[in-house]
Amino acid sequence: MPYFPDELRKSVIFLGYMSQSGKEEFAGSGFLVRLGHEDSTYVVTAAHVIDKIKEKSRSNDLHVRMRVNL
């Protein structure tokens, strides 16, 4: 079984977007994963979360907002 540090296993992130009105909106959640011994950490979420962000965010704003609770 791969090793996941406790700080990654216990992490939940919240994903959102900037709405047309300029307000930050919640779209869904995700979690963090590190593969093998890589230095990179990846965000994993469901496709429908990203689809919602694409659909509802400002047309010129292609950013996903991420909030992490420590």
C-alpha atoms as a PDB file:
ATOM      1  CA  MET A   1       0.000   0.000   0.000  1.00  0.00           C
ATOM      2  CA  PRO A   2       1.373   3.479  -0.850  1.00  0.00           C
ATOM      3  CA  TYR A   3       2.406   5.792   1.946  1.00  0.00           C
ATOM      4  CA  PHE A   4       0.363   8.964   2.458  1.00  0.00           C
ATOM      5  CA  PRO A   5       1.542  11.403   5.121  1.00  0.00           C
ATOM      6  CA  ASP A   6      -1.083  12.137   7.790  1.00  0.00           C
ATOM      7  CA  GLU A   7      -1.328  15.782   6.750  1.00  0.00           C
ATOM      8  CA  LEU A   8      -2.405  14.667   3.253  1.00  0.00           C
ATOM      9  CA  ARG A   9      -4.712  11.859   4.354  1.00  0.00           C
ATOM     10  CA  LYS A  10      -6.647  14.163   6.641  1.00  0.00           C
ATOM     11  CA  SER A  11      -6.888  17.032   4.196  1.00  0.00           C
ATOM     12  CA  VAL A  12     -10.109  18.082   2.554  1.00  0.00           C
ATOM     13  CA  ILE A  13     -10.204  21.044   0.235  1.00  0.00           C
ATOM     14  CA  PHE A  14     -13.094  23.179  -0.889  1.00  0.00           C
ATOM     15  CA  LEU A  15     -13.255  24.266  -4.515  1.00  0.00           C
ATOM     16  CA  GLY A  16     -15.080  27.280  -5.812  1.00  0.00           C
ATOM     17  CA  TYR A  17     -15.226  30.058  -8.362  1.00  0.00           C
ATOM     18  CA  MET A  18     -15.899  33.759  -8.754  1.00  0.00           C
ATOM     19  CA  SER A  19     -19.528  34.194  -9.832  1.00  0.00           C
ATOM     20  CA  GLN A  20     -20.802  36.588 -12.480  1.00  0.00           C
ATOM     21  CA  SER A  21     -21.691  39.000  -9.661  1.00  0.00           C
ATOM     22  CA  GLY A  22     -18.137  38.888  -8.264  1.00  0.00           C
ATOM     23  CA  LYS A  23     -18.941  36.724  -5.242  1.00  0.00           C
ATOM     24  CA  GLU A  24     -16.894  33.649  -4.349  1.00  0.00           C
ATOM     25  CA  GLU A  25     -19.116  30.569  -4.601  1.00  0.00           C
ATOM     26  CA  PHE A  26     -18.638  27.000  -3.371  1.00  0.00           C
ATOM     27  CA  ALA A  27     -18.687  24.284  -6.060  1.00  0.00           C
ATOM     28  CA  GLY A  28     -17.564  21.109  -4.316  1.00  0.00           C
ATOM     29  CA  SER A  29     -14.790  19.403  -2.439  1.00  0.00           C
ATOM     30  CA  GLY A  30     -11.682  17.417  -3.162  1.00  0.00           C
ATOM     31  CA  PHE A  31      -8.634  15.954  -1.521  1.00  0.00           C
ATOM     32  CA  LEU A  32      -4.872  15.993  -1.918  1.00  0.00           C
ATOM     33  CA  VAL A  33      -2.774  13.066  -3.180  1.00  0.00           C
ATOM     34  CA  ARG A  34       0.945  12.533  -3.559  1.00  0.00           C
ATOM     35  CA  LEU A  35       1.986   9.722  -5.904  1.00  0.00           C
ATOM     36  CA  GLY A  36       4.990   7.663  -4.892  1.00  0.00           C
ATOM     37  CA  HIS A  37       7.956   9.753  -3.847  1.00  0.00           C
ATOM     38  CA  GLU A  38       7.154  12.710  -6.100  1.00  0.00           C
ATOM     39  CA  ASP A  39       7.534  16.221  -4.775  1.00  0.00           C
ATOM     40  CA  SER A  40       4.231  17.208  -6.401  1.00  0.00           C
ATOM     41  CA  THR A  41       0.847  17.099  -4.698  1.00  0.00           C
ATOM     42  CA  TYR A  42      -2.298  16.743  -6.784  1.00  0.00           C
ATOM     43  CA  VAL A  43      -5.882  17.862  -6.194  1.00  0.00           C
ATOM     44  CA  VAL A  44      -8.520  15.187  -6.858  1.00  0.00           C
ATOM     45  CA  THR A  45     -12.166  16.096  -7.346  1.00  0.00           C
ATOM     46  CA  ALA A  46     -15.173  14.921  -9.351  1.00  0.00           C
ATOM     47  CA  ALA A  47     -15.688  15.999 -12.956  1.00  0.00           C
ATOM     48  CA  HIS A  48     -19.065  17.570 -12.121  1.00  0.00           C
ATOM     49  CA  VAL A  49     -17.332  20.002  -9.729  1.00  0.00           C
ATOM     50  CA  ILE A  50     -15.077  21.297 -12.511  1.00  0.00           C
ATOM     51  CA  ASP A  51     -18.024  21.350 -14.947  1.00  0.00           C
ATOM     52  CA  LYS A  52     -19.985  23.535 -12.506  1.00  0.00           C
ATOM     53  CA  ILE A  53     -17.041  25.908 -12.142  1.00  0.00           C
ATOM     54  CA  LYS A  54     -16.693  26.187 -15.927  1.00  0.00           C
ATOM     55  CA  GLU A  55     -20.423  26.804 -16.344  1.00  0.00           C
ATOM     56  CA  LYS A  56     -21.030  29.300 -13.560  1.00  0.00           C
ATOM     57  CA  SER A  57     -17.813  31.296 -13.233  1.00  0.00           C
ATOM     58  CA  ARG A  58     -17.145  34.621 -14.874  1.00  0.00           C
ATOM     59  CA  SER A  59     -16.550  34.115 -18.572  1.00  0.00           C
ATOM     60  CA  ASN A  60     -13.082  35.652 -18.450  1.00  0.00           C
ATOM     61  CA  ASP A  61     -12.103  33.988 -15.143  1.00  0.00           C
ATOM     62  CA  LEU A  62     -10.754  30.483 -15.652  1.00  0.00           C
ATOM     63  CA  HIS A  63      -9.437  30.127 -12.089  1.00  0.00           C
ATOM     64  CA  VAL A  64     -10.513  27.517  -9.574  1.00  0.00           C
ATOM     65  CA  ARG A  65     -10.482  28.861  -6.033  1.00  0.00           C
ATOM     66  CA  MET A  66      -9.222  26.429  -3.405  1.00  0.00           C
ATOM     67  CA  ARG A  67      -9.650  26.714   0.355  1.00  0.00           C
ATOM     68  CA  VAL A  68      -7.746  24.420   2.657  1.00  0.00           C
ATOM     69  CA  ASN A  69      -8.568  24.021   6.331  1.00  0.00           C
ATOM     70  CA  LEU A  70      -5.537  23.133   8.378  1.00  0.00           C
END
